[in-house]
Amino acid sequence: MFGPDITFLGVDRCDLSEPASYEDADIVILGAPFDGGTSNRPGARFGPKALREACYLPHDGSRPSLALRVDGLKDLRVYDAGDVECYSGDIETSIAAIEEAVYTITASGAIPLVLGGDHTIALPDARGVARHHGFGRLSMLHFDAHADTGNIAFGHLHGHGQPMRRLIESGAIRGDRFLQIGLRGYWPEPETLDWMAGQRMRSYEMTEIVTRGLENCLTEAFTIALDECDGIYLSVDIDVCDPGHAPGTGTPEPGGLSARQLLDSVRRICYELPVVGLEIVEVAPPYDHADITAFLGNRVVLEALSGIARRRLDAKNGTTWNPAQPLLDGRPAE
């Protein structure tokens, strides 16, 4: 909706109104340029544009991963469906349009990868995926500084601080299969925390992550997520990272994950778990510096695609990726 009409790093374009244009898709990228649910600084409506173009390499639809030794944009059939038409002054209309687009992608057999937008879009994104896979059959892995489980804000049920409560209330995602990673700071208040406890949500606050180690927390979260559920929905709010690593966001909270920790986590999730939908949200270019946040968000997308591609390659060949395997003479070791 904003700026030049480009696809993510030059991948092929598709049209959701023409099923034949993406019938062979593994992944369909979708922009959701909505920031009408922000409670602090707006600007995430420009996130999809920034995420699509933030790279110093040619936009040639190819990105071979040094670590995973696959090309997520080539080994998977990846299309870009462009942006959903969103109205910042009309949350309900925007939510409905996003959900229908995500459902259309999921029902076709592809994995939707949504570029936000503020975190309001988690509600239609995850609900659109759940409509196909079944309400209550998905787990949520939610990277964020904030729980986003508020009830009513500014007199409204919808906003970027409330989508996770609305998802659980709708039945799309089970509360006891809702895993939050990276929480910190001074919100929410005790009443909301009590509601979360009543839903049996599991939140890994940064103090616990520092004490126990991120890898240990993720391993535990994976065990919970896979119990009685068929697929994983991954939601990444870029403010899960410390503002020093992601300044371009609407509600920065000091003391978060590093860029390296986030990228490693996304890679591990998409390699080890059956991810059926994902989103990257809250990249707000007006507050970015030297495109730091946009570059990180772009790499979050690439790590996710590379992880999914390697998971499928290993499943096909009966192989296992070894992160300790070295590069030899500049070439991937066999």
C-alpha atoms as a PDB file:
ATOM      1  CA  MET A   1       0.000   0.000   0.000  1.00  0.00           C
ATOM      2  CA  PHE A   2       2.933   2.362   0.595  1.00  0.00           C
ATOM      3  CA  GLY A   3       5.854   3.077  -1.708  1.00  0.00           C
ATOM      4  CA  PRO A   4       7.025   1.063  -4.727  1.00  0.00           C
ATOM      5  CA  ASP A   5       5.197  -2.148  -5.577  1.00  0.00           C
ATOM      6  CA  ILE A   6       7.954  -4.701  -5.011  1.00  0.00           C
ATOM      7  CA  THR A   7       8.047  -8.316  -3.833  1.00  0.00           C
ATOM      8  CA  PHE A   8      10.154  -9.718  -0.992  1.00  0.00           C
ATOM      9  CA  LEU A   9      13.718  -9.711  -2.339  1.00  0.00           C
ATOM     10  CA  GLY A  10      12.436 -10.321  -5.860  1.00  0.00           C
ATOM     11  CA  VAL A  11      10.403 -13.522  -5.410  1.00  0.00           C
ATOM     12  CA  ASP A  12       7.577 -14.178  -7.839  1.00  0.00           C
ATOM     13  CA  ARG A  13       4.320 -12.351  -7.417  1.00  0.00           C
ATOM     14  CA  CYS A  14       0.917 -14.013  -6.994  1.00  0.00           C
ATOM     15  CA  ASP A  15      -2.691 -12.865  -6.828  1.00  0.00           C
ATOM     16  CA  LEU A  16      -4.909 -14.383  -4.134  1.00  0.00           C
ATOM     17  CA  SER A  17      -7.936 -13.897  -6.366  1.00  0.00           C
ATOM     18  CA  GLU A  18      -6.295 -16.217  -8.921  1.00  0.00           C
ATOM     19  CA  PRO A  19      -5.576 -19.611  -7.267  1.00  0.00           C
ATOM     20  CA  ALA A  20      -3.616 -20.819 -10.268  1.00  0.00           C
ATOM     21  CA  SER A  21      -0.982 -18.153  -9.583  1.00  0.00           C
ATOM     22  CA  TYR A  22       0.072 -19.844  -6.328  1.00  0.00           C
ATOM     23  CA  GLU A  23      -1.201 -23.432  -6.628  1.00  0.00           C
ATOM     24  CA  ASP A  24       2.326 -24.822  -6.240  1.00  0.00           C
ATOM     25  CA  ALA A  25       3.299 -22.511  -3.368  1.00  0.00           C
ATOM     26  CA  ASP A  26       5.083 -23.673  -0.233  1.00  0.00           C
ATOM     27  CA  ILE A  27       5.100 -20.178   1.269  1.00  0.00           C
ATOM     28  CA  VAL A  28       3.019 -17.118   0.474  1.00  0.00           C
ATOM     29  CA  ILE A  29       4.245 -13.806   1.853  1.00  0.00           C
ATOM     30  CA  LEU A  30       1.504 -11.322   2.699  1.00  0.00           C
ATOM     31  CA  GLY A  31       1.775  -7.716   3.801  1.00  0.00           C
ATOM     32  CA  ALA A  32      -0.565  -6.409   6.505  1.00  0.00           C
ATOM     33  CA  PRO A  33       0.267  -2.677   6.700  1.00  0.00           C
ATOM     34  CA  PHE A  34      -1.975  -1.874   9.652  1.00  0.00           C
ATOM     35  CA  ASP A  35      -0.953   0.207  12.672  1.00  0.00           C
ATOM     36  CA  GLY A  36      -4.332   1.503  13.796  1.00  0.00           C
ATOM     37  CA  GLY A  37      -4.081  -0.521  16.991  1.00  0.00           C
ATOM     38  CA  THR A  38      -0.949   1.117  18.374  1.00  0.00           C
ATOM     39  CA  SER A  39      -1.050   2.599  21.871  1.00  0.00           C
ATOM     40  CA  ASN A  40       2.176   4.590  21.591  1.00  0.00           C
ATOM     41  CA  ARG A  41       4.113   5.425  18.413  1.00  0.00           C
ATOM     42  CA  PRO A  42       2.497   4.527  15.053  1.00  0.00           C
ATOM     43  CA  GLY A  43       4.484   3.771  11.915  1.00  0.00           C
ATOM     44  CA  ALA A  44       4.379  -0.027  11.584  1.00  0.00           C
ATOM     45  CA  ARG A  45       2.144   0.396   8.530  1.00  0.00           C
ATOM     46  CA  PHE A  46       5.404   0.967   6.681  1.00  0.00           C
ATOM     47  CA  GLY A  47       6.853  -2.299   8.000  1.00  0.00           C
ATOM     48  CA  PRO A  48       5.963  -4.548   5.038  1.00  0.00           C
ATOM     49  CA  LYS A  49       7.673  -2.191   2.592  1.00  0.00           C
ATOM     50  CA  ALA A  50      10.815  -1.977   4.749  1.00  0.00           C
ATOM     51  CA  LEU A  51      10.980  -5.748   5.292  1.00  0.00           C
ATOM     52  CA  ARG A  52      10.658  -6.476   1.579  1.00  0.00           C
ATOM     53  CA  GLU A  53      13.475  -4.177   0.504  1.00  0.00           C
ATOM     54  CA  ALA A  54      15.979  -4.242   3.422  1.00  0.00           C
ATOM     55  CA  CYS A  55      18.955  -6.048   1.932  1.00  0.00           C
ATOM     56  CA  TYR A  56      22.262  -4.999   0.375  1.00  0.00           C
ATOM     57  CA  LEU A  57      22.307  -8.013  -1.963  1.00  0.00           C
ATOM     58  CA  PRO A  58      20.598  -8.170  -5.373  1.00  0.00           C
ATOM     59  CA  HIS A  59      16.841  -8.672  -5.213  1.00  0.00           C
ATOM     60  CA  ASP A  60      17.082 -11.771  -7.360  1.00  0.00           C
ATOM     61  CA  GLY A  61      14.872 -14.207  -5.428  1.00  0.00           C
ATOM     62  CA  SER A  62      17.804 -16.159  -4.015  1.00  0.00           C
ATOM     63  CA  ARG A  63      19.419 -16.242  -0.550  1.00  0.00           C
ATOM     64  CA  PRO A  64      21.649 -19.270   0.180  1.00  0.00           C
ATOM     65  CA  SER A  65      22.160 -19.761   3.917  1.00  0.00           C
ATOM     66  CA  LEU A  66      25.755 -20.280   5.017  1.00  0.00           C
ATOM     67  CA  ALA A  67      24.670 -22.037   8.203  1.00  0.00           C
ATOM     68  CA  LEU A  68      21.866 -24.254   6.907  1.00  0.00           C
ATOM     69  CA  ARG A  69      23.235 -24.796   3.384  1.00  0.00           C
ATOM     70  CA  VAL A  70      19.897 -24.320   1.685  1.00  0.00           C
ATOM     71  CA  ASP A  71      18.360 -21.458  -0.279  1.00  0.00           C
ATOM     72  CA  GLY A  72      15.020 -20.702   1.348  1.00  0.00           C
ATOM     73  CA  LEU A  73      13.843 -18.594  -1.586  1.00  0.00           C
ATOM     74  CA  LYS A  74      14.809 -21.242  -4.158  1.00  0.00           C
ATOM     75  CA  ASP A  75      14.377 -24.588  -2.399  1.00  0.00           C
ATOM     76  CA  LEU A  76      10.884 -23.560  -1.373  1.00  0.00           C
ATOM     77  CA  ARG A  77       8.322 -22.180  -3.817  1.00  0.00           C
ATOM     78  CA  VAL A  78       7.855 -18.705  -2.361  1.00  0.00           C
ATOM     79  CA  TYR A  79       5.387 -16.128  -3.667  1.00  0.00           C
ATOM     80  CA  ASP A  80       4.493 -12.614  -2.548  1.00  0.00           C
ATOM     81  CA  ALA A  81       0.797 -11.737  -2.628  1.00  0.00           C
ATOM     82  CA  GLY A  82       1.339  -8.049  -1.914  1.00  0.00           C
ATOM     83  CA  ASP A  83      -0.514  -6.109   0.766  1.00  0.00           C
ATOM     84  CA  VAL A  84      -3.971  -6.541   2.194  1.00  0.00           C
ATOM     85  CA  GLU A  85      -5.834  -3.257   1.885  1.00  0.00           C
ATOM     86  CA  CYS A  86      -5.985  -1.994   5.464  1.00  0.00           C
ATOM     87  CA  TYR A  87      -7.802   1.001   6.918  1.00  0.00           C
ATOM     88  CA  SER A  88      -6.119   2.467   9.948  1.00  0.00           C
ATOM     89  CA  GLY A  89      -9.355   4.078  11.079  1.00  0.00           C
ATOM     90  CA  ASP A  90     -11.378   0.851  10.787  1.00  0.00           C
ATOM     91  CA  ILE A  91      -9.956  -2.019  12.817  1.00  0.00           C
ATOM     92  CA  GLU A  92     -12.847  -4.406  12.226  1.00  0.00           C
ATOM     93  CA  THR A  93     -12.734  -4.085   8.436  1.00  0.00           C
ATOM     94  CA  SER A  94      -8.956  -4.500   8.374  1.00  0.00           C
ATOM     95  CA  ILE A  95      -9.020  -7.534  10.678  1.00  0.00           C
ATOM     96  CA  ALA A  96     -11.669  -9.234   8.564  1.00  0.00           C
ATOM     97  CA  ALA A  97      -9.729  -8.640   5.332  1.00  0.00           C
ATOM     98  CA  ILE A  98      -6.462  -9.947   6.811  1.00  0.00           C
ATOM     99  CA  GLU A  99      -8.096 -13.064   8.245  1.00  0.00           C
ATOM    100  CA  GLU A 100      -9.741 -13.929   4.942  1.00  0.00           C
ATOM    101  CA  ALA A 101      -6.449 -13.499   3.055  1.00  0.00           C
ATOM    102  CA  VAL A 102      -4.538 -15.661   5.548  1.00  0.00           C
ATOM    103  CA  TYR A 103      -7.235 -18.341   5.459  1.00  0.00           C
ATOM    104  CA  THR A 104      -7.145 -18.365   1.644  1.00  0.00           C
ATOM    105  CA  ILE A 105      -3.393 -18.977   1.699  1.00  0.00           C
ATOM    106  CA  THR A 106      -3.588 -21.678   4.363  1.00  0.00           C
ATOM    107  CA  ALA A 107      -6.493 -23.494   2.703  1.00  0.00           C
ATOM    108  CA  SER A 108      -4.439 -23.690  -0.502  1.00  0.00           C
ATOM    109  CA  GLY A 109      -1.848 -25.797   1.330  1.00  0.00           C
ATOM    110  CA  ALA A 110       0.771 -23.060   1.648  1.00  0.00           C
ATOM    111  CA  ILE A 111       2.241 -21.524   4.794  1.00  0.00           C
ATOM    112  CA  PRO A 112       1.323 -17.851   5.248  1.00  0.00           C
ATOM    113  CA  LEU A 113       4.189 -15.553   6.250  1.00  0.00           C
ATOM    114  CA  VAL A 114       2.723 -12.205   7.237  1.00  0.00           C
ATOM    115  CA  LEU A 115       4.674  -8.950   7.322  1.00  0.00           C
ATOM    116  CA  GLY A 116       3.161  -6.448   9.751  1.00  0.00           C
ATOM    117  CA  GLY A 117       1.910  -4.057  10.788  1.00  0.00           C
ATOM    118  CA  ASP A 118       1.329  -3.757  14.501  1.00  0.00           C
ATOM    119  CA  HIS A 119       0.534  -6.758  16.680  1.00  0.00           C
ATOM    120  CA  THR A 120      -3.219  -6.288  16.281  1.00  0.00           C
ATOM    121  CA  ILE A 121      -2.841  -8.486  13.202  1.00  0.00           C
ATOM    122  CA  ALA A 122      -1.932 -11.550  15.292  1.00  0.00           C
ATOM    123  CA  LEU A 123      -5.651 -12.101  15.891  1.00  0.00           C
ATOM    124  CA  PRO A 124      -6.688 -12.432  12.220  1.00  0.00           C
ATOM    125  CA  ASP A 125      -3.404 -14.093  11.249  1.00  0.00           C
ATOM    126  CA  ALA A 126      -3.534 -16.948  13.758  1.00  0.00           C
ATOM    127  CA  ARG A 127      -7.313 -17.259  13.514  1.00  0.00           C
ATOM    128  CA  GLY A 128      -7.092 -17.537   9.721  1.00  0.00           C
ATOM    129  CA  VAL A 129      -4.598 -20.398  10.079  1.00  0.00           C
ATOM    130  CA  ALA A 130      -6.689 -22.077  12.789  1.00  0.00           C
ATOM    131  CA  ARG A 131      -9.786 -21.984  10.598  1.00  0.00           C
ATOM    132  CA  HIS A 132      -8.043 -24.452   8.301  1.00  0.00           C
ATOM    133  CA  HIS A 133      -6.090 -26.578  10.779  1.00  0.00           C
ATOM    134  CA  GLY A 134      -8.744 -26.584  13.479  1.00  0.00           C
ATOM    135  CA  PHE A 135      -9.467 -24.400  16.498  1.00  0.00           C
ATOM    136  CA  GLY A 136      -7.502 -25.652  19.483  1.00  0.00           C
ATOM    137  CA  ARG A 137      -5.099 -27.678  17.315  1.00  0.00           C
ATOM    138  CA  LEU A 138      -2.342 -25.063  17.142  1.00  0.00           C
ATOM    139  CA  SER A 139       0.215 -23.898  19.676  1.00  0.00           C
ATOM    140  CA  MET A 140       1.520 -20.344  19.727  1.00  0.00           C
ATOM    141  CA  LEU A 141       5.159 -19.396  20.210  1.00  0.00           C
ATOM    142  CA  HIS A 142       5.082 -15.680  20.890  1.00  0.00           C
ATOM    143  CA  PHE A 143       8.281 -13.597  21.024  1.00  0.00           C
ATOM    144  CA  ASP A 144       7.579 -10.221  22.579  1.00  0.00           C
ATOM    145  CA  ALA A 145       8.516  -7.760  25.293  1.00  0.00           C
ATOM    146  CA  HIS A 146       4.815  -7.518  26.124  1.00  0.00           C
ATOM    147  CA  ALA A 147       2.163 -10.120  26.877  1.00  0.00           C
ATOM    148  CA  ASP A 148      -0.486  -8.473  24.638  1.00  0.00           C
ATOM    149  CA  THR A 149      -3.216  -9.961  26.809  1.00  0.00           C
ATOM    150  CA  GLY A 150      -5.009  -6.764  27.781  1.00  0.00           C
ATOM    151  CA  ASN A 151      -8.782  -6.643  27.784  1.00  0.00           C
ATOM    152  CA  ILE A 152     -10.152  -3.218  26.849  1.00  0.00           C
ATOM    153  CA  ALA A 153      -7.909  -0.313  25.870  1.00  0.00           C
ATOM    154  CA  PHE A 154      -9.156   3.132  24.911  1.00  0.00           C
ATOM    155  CA  GLY A 155     -12.673   1.691  24.990  1.00  0.00           C
ATOM    156  CA  HIS A 156     -11.928  -0.942  22.360  1.00  0.00           C
ATOM    157  CA  LEU A 157     -11.589  -4.732  22.361  1.00  0.00           C
ATOM    158  CA  HIS A 158      -8.998  -4.688  19.590  1.00  0.00           C
ATOM    159  CA  GLY A 159      -5.501  -3.239  19.524  1.00  0.00           C
ATOM    160  CA  HIS A 160      -1.887  -4.313  19.614  1.00  0.00           C
ATOM    161  CA  GLY A 161      -2.008  -4.934  23.360  1.00  0.00           C
ATOM    162  CA  GLN A 162      -4.985  -7.331  23.234  1.00  0.00           C
ATOM    163  CA  PRO A 163      -4.746  -9.870  20.370  1.00  0.00           C
ATOM    164  CA  MET A 164      -3.539 -12.782  22.491  1.00  0.00           C
ATOM    165  CA  ARG A 165      -6.501 -12.520  24.858  1.00  0.00           C
ATOM    166  CA  ARG A 166      -8.889 -12.346  21.903  1.00  0.00           C
ATOM    167  CA  LEU A 167      -7.250 -15.409  20.318  1.00  0.00           C
ATOM    168  CA  ILE A 168      -7.646 -17.479  23.466  1.00  0.00           C
ATOM    169  CA  GLU A 169     -11.219 -16.263  24.013  1.00  0.00           C
ATOM    170  CA  SER A 170     -12.099 -17.217  20.438  1.00  0.00           C
ATOM    171  CA  GLY A 171     -10.837 -20.769  20.991  1.00  0.00           C
ATOM    172  CA  ALA A 172      -8.409 -20.527  18.071  1.00  0.00           C
ATOM    173  CA  ILE A 173      -5.398 -21.081  20.358  1.00  0.00           C
ATOM    174  CA  ARG A 174      -5.472 -22.937  23.678  1.00  0.00           C
ATOM    175  CA  GLY A 175      -4.286 -20.937  26.661  1.00  0.00           C
ATOM    176  CA  ASP A 176      -2.267 -23.882  27.962  1.00  0.00           C
ATOM    177  CA  ARG A 177      -0.459 -24.132  24.620  1.00  0.00           C
ATOM    178  CA  PHE A 178       0.435 -20.455  24.498  1.00  0.00           C
ATOM    179  CA  LEU A 179       4.161 -19.906  25.078  1.00  0.00           C
ATOM    180  CA  GLN A 180       5.519 -16.372  25.449  1.00  0.00           C
ATOM    181  CA  ILE A 181       9.237 -15.635  25.284  1.00  0.00           C
ATOM    182  CA  GLY A 182      11.067 -12.441  26.216  1.00  0.00           C
ATOM    183  CA  LEU A 183       8.559 -10.633  28.441  1.00  0.00           C
ATOM    184  CA  ARG A 184       9.916  -7.833  30.606  1.00  0.00           C
ATOM    185  CA  GLY A 185       9.242  -4.346  31.923  1.00  0.00           C
ATOM    186  CA  TYR A 186       6.280  -2.916  33.814  1.00  0.00           C
ATOM    187  CA  TRP A 187       3.124  -4.195  32.135  1.00  0.00           C
ATOM    188  CA  PRO A 188       0.676  -5.888  32.435  1.00  0.00           C
ATOM    189  CA  GLU A 189      -0.937  -5.160  35.774  1.00  0.00           C
ATOM    190  CA  PRO A 190      -1.801  -7.893  38.351  1.00  0.00           C
ATOM    191  CA  GLU A 191      -5.401  -8.277  37.104  1.00  0.00           C
ATOM    192  CA  THR A 192      -4.212  -9.238  33.628  1.00  0.00           C
ATOM    193  CA  LEU A 193      -1.523 -11.522  35.038  1.00  0.00           C
ATOM    194  CA  ASP A 194      -4.204 -13.287  37.051  1.00  0.00           C
ATOM    195  CA  TRP A 195      -6.257 -13.791  33.882  1.00  0.00           C
ATOM    196  CA  MET A 196      -3.198 -15.242  32.135  1.00  0.00           C
ATOM    197  CA  ALA A 197      -2.581 -17.637  35.020  1.00  0.00           C
ATOM    198  CA  GLY A 198      -6.203 -18.731  34.833  1.00  0.00           C
ATOM    199  CA  GLN A 199      -5.682 -19.639  31.175  1.00  0.00           C
ATOM    200  CA  ARG A 200      -2.541 -21.625  32.107  1.00  0.00           C
ATOM    201  CA  MET A 201      -0.384 -19.573  29.759  1.00  0.00           C
ATOM    202  CA  ARG A 202       3.384 -20.056  30.054  1.00  0.00           C
ATOM    203  CA  SER A 203       5.459 -16.878  29.934  1.00  0.00           C
ATOM    204  CA  TYR A 204       9.263 -16.852  29.985  1.00  0.00           C
ATOM    205  CA  GLU A 205      10.222 -13.477  31.412  1.00  0.00           C
ATOM    206  CA  MET A 206      13.720 -12.212  30.620  1.00  0.00           C
ATOM    207  CA  THR A 207      14.949 -12.788  34.160  1.00  0.00           C
ATOM    208  CA  GLU A 208      14.086 -16.494  33.860  1.00  0.00           C
ATOM    209  CA  ILE A 209      15.690 -16.653  30.410  1.00  0.00           C
ATOM    210  CA  VAL A 210      18.909 -15.108  31.735  1.00  0.00           C
ATOM    211  CA  THR A 211      18.955 -17.422  34.759  1.00  0.00           C
ATOM    212  CA  ARG A 212      18.104 -20.705  33.019  1.00  0.00           C
ATOM    213  CA  GLY A 213      19.435 -19.969  29.544  1.00  0.00           C
ATOM    214  CA  LEU A 214      17.426 -19.320  26.389  1.00  0.00           C
ATOM    215  CA  GLU A 215      18.138 -22.760  24.904  1.00  0.00           C
ATOM    216  CA  ASN A 216      16.794 -24.533  27.977  1.00  0.00           C
ATOM    217  CA  CYS A 217      13.660 -22.386  28.000  1.00  0.00           C
ATOM    218  CA  LEU A 218      13.053 -23.062  24.310  1.00  0.00           C
ATOM    219  CA  THR A 219      13.488 -26.813  24.744  1.00  0.00           C
ATOM    220  CA  GLU A 220      10.903 -26.814  27.520  1.00  0.00           C
ATOM    221  CA  ALA A 221       8.542 -24.640  25.467  1.00  0.00           C
ATOM    222  CA  PHE A 222       8.830 -27.008  22.492  1.00  0.00           C
ATOM    223  CA  THR A 223       7.750 -29.957  24.629  1.00  0.00           C
ATOM    224  CA  ILE A 224       4.665 -28.104  25.806  1.00  0.00           C
ATOM    225  CA  ALA A 225       3.838 -26.787  22.332  1.00  0.00           C
ATOM    226  CA  LEU A 226       3.898 -30.224  20.701  1.00  0.00           C
ATOM    227  CA  ASP A 227       1.619 -31.833  23.298  1.00  0.00           C
ATOM    228  CA  GLU A 228      -1.821 -32.512  21.797  1.00  0.00           C
ATOM    229  CA  CYS A 229      -1.334 -29.972  18.998  1.00  0.00           C
ATOM    230  CA  ASP A 230      -0.687 -30.494  15.294  1.00  0.00           C
ATOM    231  CA  GLY A 231       1.112 -27.312  14.307  1.00  0.00           C
ATOM    232  CA  ILE A 232       2.938 -24.232  15.538  1.00  0.00           C
ATOM    233  CA  TYR A 233       2.093 -20.614  14.869  1.00  0.00           C
ATOM    234  CA  LEU A 234       5.114 -18.346  15.324  1.00  0.00           C
ATOM    235  CA  SER A 235       4.581 -14.694  16.200  1.00  0.00           C
ATOM    236  CA  VAL A 236       7.641 -12.430  16.369  1.00  0.00           C
ATOM    237  CA  ASP A 237       7.297  -8.909  17.698  1.00  0.00           C
ATOM    238  CA  ILE A 238      10.586  -7.188  16.891  1.00  0.00           C
ATOM    239  CA  ASP A 239      10.497  -5.425  20.264  1.00  0.00           C
ATOM    240  CA  VAL A 240      11.448  -8.750  21.871  1.00  0.00           C
ATOM    241  CA  CYS A 241      14.964  -7.554  21.087  1.00  0.00           C
ATOM    242  CA  ASP A 242      16.712  -4.891  23.104  1.00  0.00           C
ATOM    243  CA  PRO A 243      16.181  -1.424  21.567  1.00  0.00           C
ATOM    244  CA  GLY A 244      19.917  -1.318  20.877  1.00  0.00           C
ATOM    245  CA  HIS A 245      19.314  -4.129  18.368  1.00  0.00           C
ATOM    246  CA  ALA A 246      15.860  -2.993  17.188  1.00  0.00           C
ATOM    247  CA  PRO A 247      15.276   0.745  17.736  1.00  0.00           C
ATOM    248  CA  GLY A 248      12.635   1.050  15.025  1.00  0.00           C
ATOM    249  CA  THR A 249       9.558  -0.042  16.934  1.00  0.00           C
ATOM    250  CA  GLY A 250       6.621   1.645  18.608  1.00  0.00           C
ATOM    251  CA  THR A 251       7.006   0.417  22.199  1.00  0.00           C
ATOM    252  CA  PRO A 252      10.716  -0.200  22.894  1.00  0.00           C
ATOM    253  CA  GLU A 253      11.557  -1.919  26.182  1.00  0.00           C
ATOM    254  CA  PRO A 254      15.200  -2.099  27.363  1.00  0.00           C
ATOM    255  CA  GLY A 255      16.764  -5.384  28.403  1.00  0.00           C
ATOM    256  CA  GLY A 256      15.641  -7.773  25.675  1.00  0.00           C
ATOM    257  CA  LEU A 257      17.121 -10.487  23.495  1.00  0.00           C
ATOM    258  CA  SER A 258      20.025  -9.787  21.194  1.00  0.00           C
ATOM    259  CA  ALA A 259      19.610  -9.956  17.437  1.00  0.00           C
ATOM    260  CA  ARG A 260      21.723 -13.127  17.416  1.00  0.00           C
ATOM    261  CA  GLN A 261      19.504 -14.806  20.013  1.00  0.00           C
ATOM    262  CA  LEU A 262      16.356 -14.011  18.053  1.00  0.00           C
ATOM    263  CA  LEU A 263      17.742 -15.246  14.739  1.00  0.00           C
ATOM    264  CA  ASP A 264      19.026 -18.478  16.296  1.00  0.00           C
ATOM    265  CA  SER A 265      15.680 -19.038  18.002  1.00  0.00           C
ATOM    266  CA  VAL A 266      13.642 -18.526  14.823  1.00  0.00           C
ATOM    267  CA  ARG A 267      15.982 -20.807  12.889  1.00  0.00           C
ATOM    268  CA  ARG A 268      15.691 -23.520  15.540  1.00  0.00           C
ATOM    269  CA  ILE A 269      11.893 -23.283  15.748  1.00  0.00           C
ATOM    270  CA  CYS A 270      11.393 -23.509  11.998  1.00  0.00           C
ATOM    271  CA  TYR A 271      13.847 -26.398  11.701  1.00  0.00           C
ATOM    272  CA  GLU A 272      12.668 -28.462  14.672  1.00  0.00           C
ATOM    273  CA  LEU A 273       8.922 -27.771  14.766  1.00  0.00           C
ATOM    274  CA  PRO A 274       5.979 -28.089  12.333  1.00  0.00           C
ATOM    275  CA  VAL A 275       5.405 -24.386  11.719  1.00  0.00           C
ATOM    276  CA  VAL A 276       2.167 -23.787   9.800  1.00  0.00           C
ATOM    277  CA  GLY A 277       2.015 -19.995   9.981  1.00  0.00           C
ATOM    278  CA  LEU A 278       4.174 -17.084  11.085  1.00  0.00           C
ATOM    279  CA  GLU A 279       4.366 -13.329  11.304  1.00  0.00           C
ATOM    280  CA  ILE A 280       6.887 -10.561  11.973  1.00  0.00           C
ATOM    281  CA  VAL A 281       5.346  -7.413  13.425  1.00  0.00           C
ATOM    282  CA  GLU A 282       5.995  -3.970  14.924  1.00  0.00           C
ATOM    283  CA  VAL A 283       8.834  -2.921  12.624  1.00  0.00           C
ATOM    284  CA  ALA A 284       8.275   0.849  12.496  1.00  0.00           C
ATOM    285  CA  PRO A 285      10.688   2.505  10.028  1.00  0.00           C
ATOM    286  CA  PRO A 286      10.054   6.120  11.157  1.00  0.00           C
ATOM    287  CA  TYR A 287      11.976   5.360  14.388  1.00  0.00           C
ATOM    288  CA  ASP A 288      14.667   3.180  12.854  1.00  0.00           C
ATOM    289  CA  HIS A 289      18.333   4.149  12.668  1.00  0.00           C
ATOM    290  CA  ALA A 290      20.382   3.166   9.621  1.00  0.00           C
ATOM    291  CA  ASP A 291      17.722   0.515   8.864  1.00  0.00           C
ATOM    292  CA  ILE A 292      18.948  -1.616  11.799  1.00  0.00           C
ATOM    293  CA  THR A 293      15.487  -2.922  12.641  1.00  0.00           C
ATOM    294  CA  ALA A 294      14.421  -3.466   9.045  1.00  0.00           C
ATOM    295  CA  PHE A 295      17.579  -5.489   8.357  1.00  0.00           C
ATOM    296  CA  LEU A 296      16.952  -7.610  11.443  1.00  0.00           C
ATOM    297  CA  GLY A 297      13.330  -8.192  10.488  1.00  0.00           C
ATOM    298  CA  ASN A 298      14.347  -9.158   6.962  1.00  0.00           C
ATOM    299  CA  ARG A 299      16.776 -11.699   8.394  1.00  0.00           C
ATOM    300  CA  VAL A 300      14.099 -13.083  10.709  1.00  0.00           C
ATOM    301  CA  VAL A 301      12.099 -13.882   7.577  1.00  0.00           C
ATOM    302  CA  LEU A 302      15.105 -15.476   5.866  1.00  0.00           C
ATOM    303  CA  GLU A 303      16.025 -17.582   8.918  1.00  0.00           C
ATOM    304  CA  ALA A 304      12.443 -18.845   9.064  1.00  0.00           C
ATOM    305  CA  LEU A 305      12.420 -19.766   5.376  1.00  0.00           C
ATOM    306  CA  SER A 306      15.849 -21.395   5.595  1.00  0.00           C
ATOM    307  CA  GLY A 307      14.792 -23.415   8.653  1.00  0.00           C
ATOM    308  CA  ILE A 308      11.663 -24.682   6.931  1.00  0.00           C
ATOM    309  CA  ALA A 309      13.628 -25.531   3.775  1.00  0.00           C
ATOM    310  CA  ARG A 310      16.264 -27.475   5.723  1.00  0.00           C
ATOM    311  CA  ARG A 311      13.607 -29.313   7.738  1.00  0.00           C
ATOM    312  CA  ARG A 312      11.973 -30.496   4.503  1.00  0.00           C
ATOM    313  CA  LEU A 313      15.298 -31.420   2.910  1.00  0.00           C
ATOM    314  CA  ASP A 314      16.349 -33.502   5.899  1.00  0.00           C
ATOM    315  CA  ALA A 315      12.933 -35.181   6.082  1.00  0.00           C
ATOM    316  CA  LYS A 316      13.246 -36.109   2.404  1.00  0.00           C
ATOM    317  CA  ASN A 317      16.844 -37.353   2.585  1.00  0.00           C
ATOM    318  CA  GLY A 318      16.857 -38.812   6.077  1.00  0.00           C
ATOM    319  CA  THR A 319      19.653 -36.443   7.077  1.00  0.00           C
ATOM    320  CA  THR A 320      20.163 -34.160  10.081  1.00  0.00           C
ATOM    321  CA  TRP A 321      21.662 -30.687  10.042  1.00  0.00           C
ATOM    322  CA  ASN A 322      24.684 -30.323  12.306  1.00  0.00           C
ATOM    323  CA  PRO A 323      25.273 -26.712  13.408  1.00  0.00           C
ATOM    324  CA  ALA A 324      28.832 -27.582  14.447  1.00  0.00           C
ATOM    325  CA  GLN A 325      29.828 -28.809  10.989  1.00  0.00           C
ATOM    326  CA  PRO A 326      32.446 -26.413   9.540  1.00  0.00           C
ATOM    327  CA  LEU A 327      32.772 -24.774   6.161  1.00  0.00           C
ATOM    328  CA  LEU A 328      35.695 -26.191   4.155  1.00  0.00           C
ATOM    329  CA  ASP A 329      37.632 -23.970   1.754  1.00  0.00           C
ATOM    330  CA  GLY A 330      34.714 -21.575   1.659  1.00  0.00           C
ATOM    331  CA  ARG A 331      32.355 -24.321   0.536  1.00  0.00           C
ATOM    332  CA  PRO A 332      29.739 -26.203   2.600  1.00  0.00           C
ATOM    333  CA  ALA A 333      31.049 -29.464   4.003  1.00  0.00           C
ATOM    334  CA  GLU A 334      29.247 -32.558   2.723  1.00  0.00           C
END
